[in-house]
Amino acid sequence: MKKQLLAIAVLITATASFTAQAYDGTNCKEPGNCWEPKPGYPEKVAGSKYDPKHDSNELNKQSQSISEMEARNKQRSAHLKKTGKFVYDVDEI
């Protein structure tokens, strides 16, 4: 019985000490902003090996699809106002 209680006490102490060592918050720039780069990570990402070099056409795909969707919705709403009938497929208008 004493061995079990001792083992439980050691386990609780080890768990408490492990969680206390996780992060002490001494290098935070401000409260809640404690991110630090790994050693060797550059201050400026552009032009480094970490630069993702995104293609501008790929980045603009979503804005293009949204503008095309808005144009289709304008056609649908104009047709609905004119005829009183909603047509989903814009090619049928």
N, C-alpha and C. Protein backbone atom coordinates (compact mmCIF):
# COMPACT_ATOMS: atom_id res chain seq x y z
N MET A 1 0.82 -1.20 0.00
CA MET A 1 0.00 0.00 0.00
C MET A 1 0.87 1.27 0.00
N LYS A 2 1.94 1.23 0.82
CA LYS A 2 2.82 2.40 0.89
C LYS A 2 3.56 2.60 -0.43
N LYS A 3 3.91 1.48 -1.07
CA LYS A 3 4.63 1.59 -2.35
C LYS A 3 3.73 2.21 -3.42
N GLN A 4 2.45 1.86 -3.40
CA GLN A 4 1.51 2.42 -4.37
C GLN A 4 1.33 3.92 -4.15
N LEU A 5 1.19 4.33 -2.91
CA LEU A 5 1.04 5.75 -2.60
C LEU A 5 2.30 6.53 -2.98
N LEU A 6 3.45 5.93 -2.73
CA LEU A 6 4.71 6.57 -3.09
C LEU A 6 4.82 6.71 -4.62
N ALA A 7 4.43 5.67 -5.35
CA ALA A 7 4.49 5.71 -6.81
C ALA A 7 3.54 6.78 -7.36
N ILE A 8 2.37 6.90 -6.77
CA ILE A 8 1.40 7.91 -7.20
C ILE A 8 1.94 9.31 -6.91
N ALA A 9 2.54 9.49 -5.77
CA ALA A 9 3.10 10.79 -5.41
C ALA A 9 4.24 11.18 -6.36
N VAL A 10 5.09 10.21 -6.70
CA VAL A 10 6.19 10.48 -7.63
C VAL A 10 5.64 10.83 -9.00
N LEU A 11 4.62 10.12 -9.44
CA LEU A 11 4.01 10.39 -10.74
C LEU A 11 3.40 11.79 -10.78
N ILE A 12 2.70 12.19 -9.74
CA ILE A 12 2.09 13.52 -9.69
C ILE A 12 3.17 14.60 -9.67
N THR A 13 4.23 14.39 -8.92
CA THR A 13 5.32 15.36 -8.86
C THR A 13 6.01 15.48 -10.22
N ALA A 14 6.24 14.36 -10.88
CA ALA A 14 6.89 14.40 -12.19
C ALA A 14 6.02 15.10 -13.22
N THR A 15 4.73 14.86 -13.18
CA THR A 15 3.81 15.52 -14.11
C THR A 15 3.78 17.02 -13.87
N ALA A 16 3.73 17.43 -12.63
CA ALA A 16 3.69 18.85 -12.30
C ALA A 16 4.98 19.54 -12.72
N SER A 17 6.11 18.89 -12.52
CA SER A 17 7.37 19.53 -12.89
C SER A 17 7.52 19.59 -14.41
N PHE A 18 7.00 18.60 -15.13
CA PHE A 18 7.07 18.62 -16.60
C PHE A 18 6.25 19.76 -17.17
N THR A 19 5.06 19.99 -16.67
CA THR A 19 4.22 21.08 -17.19
C THR A 19 4.80 22.44 -16.84
N ALA A 20 5.49 22.54 -15.74
CA ALA A 20 6.08 23.82 -15.35
C ALA A 20 7.26 24.16 -16.25
N GLN A 21 7.91 23.18 -16.84
CA GLN A 21 9.07 23.42 -17.68
C GLN A 21 8.70 23.67 -19.13
N ALA A 22 7.45 23.60 -19.48
CA ALA A 22 7.03 23.71 -20.88
C ALA A 22 7.46 25.04 -21.48
N TYR A 23 7.10 26.15 -20.89
CA TYR A 23 7.50 27.46 -21.39
C TYR A 23 7.36 28.47 -20.27
N ASP A 24 8.39 29.25 -20.06
CA ASP A 24 8.34 30.19 -18.94
C ASP A 24 7.94 31.59 -19.37
N GLY A 25 7.84 31.88 -20.67
CA GLY A 25 7.35 33.17 -21.14
C GLY A 25 8.33 34.30 -21.03
N THR A 26 9.61 34.02 -20.92
CA THR A 26 10.57 35.11 -20.74
C THR A 26 10.91 35.83 -22.04
N ASN A 27 10.64 35.22 -23.20
CA ASN A 27 11.02 35.84 -24.46
C ASN A 27 9.82 36.37 -25.25
N CYS A 28 8.74 36.72 -24.58
CA CYS A 28 7.56 37.23 -25.26
C CYS A 28 7.77 38.69 -25.63
N LYS A 29 7.40 39.05 -26.87
CA LYS A 29 7.47 40.44 -27.28
C LYS A 29 6.40 41.26 -26.57
N GLU A 30 5.23 40.64 -26.41
CA GLU A 30 4.11 41.23 -25.69
C GLU A 30 3.28 40.06 -25.18
N PRO A 31 2.36 40.28 -24.26
CA PRO A 31 1.58 39.15 -23.75
C PRO A 31 0.83 38.44 -24.86
N GLY A 32 1.06 37.13 -24.97
CA GLY A 32 0.41 36.33 -25.99
C GLY A 32 1.16 36.25 -27.31
N ASN A 33 2.23 37.01 -27.47
CA ASN A 33 3.03 36.97 -28.70
C ASN A 33 4.41 36.42 -28.35
N CYS A 34 4.50 35.11 -28.24
CA CYS A 34 5.74 34.47 -27.79
C CYS A 34 6.41 33.65 -28.87
N TRP A 35 6.04 33.85 -30.15
CA TRP A 35 6.65 33.08 -31.21
C TRP A 35 8.07 33.53 -31.42
N GLU A 36 8.96 32.56 -31.59
CA GLU A 36 10.35 32.84 -31.91
C GLU A 36 10.78 31.95 -33.06
N PRO A 37 11.55 32.48 -34.01
CA PRO A 37 12.01 31.63 -35.10
C PRO A 37 13.09 30.66 -34.60
N LYS A 38 13.19 29.54 -35.30
CA LYS A 38 14.25 28.60 -34.97
C LYS A 38 15.59 29.22 -35.33
N PRO A 39 16.66 28.76 -34.71
CA PRO A 39 17.98 29.29 -35.07
C PRO A 39 18.27 29.06 -36.55
N GLY A 40 18.76 30.08 -37.23
CA GLY A 40 19.06 29.99 -38.65
C GLY A 40 17.95 30.48 -39.54
N TYR A 41 16.77 30.77 -38.97
CA TYR A 41 15.66 31.29 -39.77
C TYR A 41 15.93 32.75 -40.05
N PRO A 42 15.83 33.20 -41.31
CA PRO A 42 16.22 34.58 -41.64
C PRO A 42 15.22 35.61 -41.12
N GLU A 43 15.71 36.82 -40.89
CA GLU A 43 14.84 37.93 -40.48
C GLU A 43 13.90 38.31 -41.61
N LYS A 44 14.40 38.28 -42.85
CA LYS A 44 13.59 38.62 -44.02
C LYS A 44 13.41 37.36 -44.85
N VAL A 45 12.15 36.95 -45.07
CA VAL A 45 11.86 35.69 -45.76
C VAL A 45 12.02 35.84 -47.27
N ALA A 46 11.69 37.00 -47.81
CA ALA A 46 11.74 37.20 -49.26
C ALA A 46 13.16 36.99 -49.78
N GLY A 47 13.29 36.11 -50.77
CA GLY A 47 14.60 35.84 -51.36
C GLY A 47 15.37 34.74 -50.66
N SER A 48 14.87 34.25 -49.53
CA SER A 48 15.57 33.18 -48.82
C SER A 48 15.04 31.83 -49.29
N LYS A 49 15.58 30.76 -48.74
CA LYS A 49 15.10 29.43 -49.12
C LYS A 49 13.70 29.16 -48.56
N TYR A 50 13.22 29.98 -47.62
CA TYR A 50 11.89 29.83 -47.05
C TYR A 50 10.83 30.61 -47.82
N ASP A 51 11.24 31.37 -48.84
CA ASP A 51 10.31 32.17 -49.62
C ASP A 51 9.43 31.25 -50.47
N PRO A 52 8.10 31.32 -50.33
CA PRO A 52 7.25 30.40 -51.10
C PRO A 52 7.16 30.73 -52.58
N LYS A 53 7.53 31.92 -53.00
CA LYS A 53 7.52 32.34 -54.40
C LYS A 53 6.18 32.04 -55.06
N HIS A 54 5.12 32.62 -54.53
CA HIS A 54 3.78 32.39 -55.05
C HIS A 54 3.62 33.00 -56.42
N ASP A 55 2.90 32.31 -57.27
CA ASP A 55 2.57 32.80 -58.60
C ASP A 55 1.38 33.75 -58.46
N SER A 56 1.48 34.94 -59.03
CA SER A 56 0.40 35.92 -58.88
C SER A 56 -0.89 35.44 -59.53
N ASN A 57 -0.80 34.66 -60.60
CA ASN A 57 -2.00 34.12 -61.23
C ASN A 57 -2.72 33.15 -60.31
N GLU A 58 -1.95 32.35 -59.58
CA GLU A 58 -2.55 31.41 -58.64
C GLU A 58 -3.22 32.17 -57.49
N LEU A 59 -2.61 33.24 -57.04
CA LEU A 59 -3.17 34.02 -55.93
C LEU A 59 -4.45 34.74 -56.35
N ASN A 60 -4.57 35.10 -57.64
CA ASN A 60 -5.73 35.85 -58.11
C ASN A 60 -6.90 34.97 -58.53
N LYS A 61 -6.73 33.65 -58.51
CA LYS A 61 -7.81 32.77 -58.95
C LYS A 61 -9.08 32.95 -58.13
N GLN A 62 -8.95 33.09 -56.83
CA GLN A 62 -10.15 33.22 -56.00
C GLN A 62 -10.87 34.54 -56.27
N SER A 63 -10.12 35.63 -56.40
CA SER A 63 -10.78 36.91 -56.67
C SER A 63 -11.43 36.90 -58.05
N GLN A 64 -10.82 36.22 -59.03
CA GLN A 64 -11.44 36.11 -60.35
C GLN A 64 -12.74 35.32 -60.27
N SER A 65 -12.72 34.20 -59.54
CA SER A 65 -13.93 33.38 -59.46
C SER A 65 -15.04 34.12 -58.72
N ILE A 66 -14.69 34.93 -57.73
CA ILE A 66 -15.70 35.70 -57.01
C ILE A 66 -16.31 36.76 -57.92
N SER A 67 -15.49 37.43 -58.72
CA SER A 67 -16.05 38.45 -59.62
C SER A 67 -16.92 37.80 -60.70
N GLU A 68 -16.53 36.60 -61.18
CA GLU A 68 -17.38 35.90 -62.15
C GLU A 68 -18.69 35.46 -61.51
N MET A 69 -18.65 35.03 -60.26
CA MET A 69 -19.86 34.64 -59.54
C MET A 69 -20.80 35.83 -59.37
N GLU A 70 -20.24 37.00 -59.03
CA GLU A 70 -21.06 38.20 -58.87
C GLU A 70 -21.70 38.60 -60.19
N ALA A 71 -20.98 38.44 -61.31
CA ALA A 71 -21.55 38.76 -62.62
C ALA A 71 -22.72 37.81 -62.94
N ARG A 72 -22.55 36.52 -62.64
CA ARG A 72 -23.65 35.57 -62.87
C ARG A 72 -24.85 35.91 -61.98
N ASN A 73 -24.59 36.29 -60.74
CA ASN A 73 -25.69 36.64 -59.84
C ASN A 73 -26.44 37.88 -60.32
N LYS A 74 -25.72 38.85 -60.92
CA LYS A 74 -26.38 40.03 -61.49
C LYS A 74 -27.30 39.63 -62.64
N GLN A 75 -26.82 38.72 -63.48
CA GLN A 75 -27.65 38.25 -64.59
C GLN A 75 -28.89 37.53 -64.07
N ARG A 76 -28.72 36.70 -63.06
CA ARG A 76 -29.85 35.97 -62.49
C ARG A 76 -30.88 36.92 -61.89
N SER A 77 -30.39 37.91 -61.11
CA SER A 77 -31.33 38.83 -60.46
C SER A 77 -32.02 39.73 -61.49
N ALA A 78 -31.31 40.13 -62.55
CA ALA A 78 -31.95 40.93 -63.59
C ALA A 78 -33.03 40.12 -64.30
N HIS A 79 -32.75 38.86 -64.58
CA HIS A 79 -33.74 37.99 -65.23
C HIS A 79 -34.93 37.76 -64.30
N LEU A 80 -34.66 37.61 -63.01
CA LEU A 80 -35.75 37.42 -62.03
C LEU A 80 -36.64 38.65 -61.96
N LYS A 81 -36.07 39.84 -61.96
CA LYS A 81 -36.86 41.07 -61.92
C LYS A 81 -37.69 41.24 -63.19
N LYS A 82 -37.10 40.86 -64.32
CA LYS A 82 -37.78 41.05 -65.60
C LYS A 82 -38.91 40.04 -65.80
N THR A 83 -38.66 38.77 -65.47
CA THR A 83 -39.64 37.72 -65.77
C THR A 83 -40.36 37.18 -64.55
N GLY A 84 -39.79 37.35 -63.36
CA GLY A 84 -40.39 36.79 -62.15
C GLY A 84 -40.06 35.32 -61.98
N LYS A 85 -39.18 34.79 -62.80
CA LYS A 85 -38.79 33.39 -62.74
C LYS A 85 -37.29 33.31 -62.49
N PHE A 86 -36.89 32.51 -61.48
CA PHE A 86 -35.47 32.36 -61.18
C PHE A 86 -34.90 31.22 -62.01
N VAL A 87 -33.82 31.48 -62.70
CA VAL A 87 -33.13 30.47 -63.50
C VAL A 87 -31.70 30.39 -62.97
N TYR A 88 -31.31 29.19 -62.52
CA TYR A 88 -29.96 29.02 -61.97
C TYR A 88 -28.91 29.03 -63.06
N ASP A 89 -29.14 28.28 -64.13
CA ASP A 89 -28.14 28.19 -65.20
C ASP A 89 -28.20 29.45 -66.05
N VAL A 90 -27.12 30.22 -66.03
CA VAL A 90 -27.07 31.51 -66.72
C VAL A 90 -27.11 31.30 -68.24
N ASP A 91 -26.66 30.14 -68.72
CA ASP A 91 -26.69 29.87 -70.16
C ASP A 91 -28.12 29.76 -70.69
N GLU A 92 -29.08 29.47 -69.83
CA GLU A 92 -30.48 29.36 -70.27
C GLU A 92 -31.18 30.70 -70.32
N ILE A 93 -30.56 31.73 -69.84
CA ILE A 93 -31.19 33.06 -69.83
C ILE A 93 -31.11 33.68 -71.21
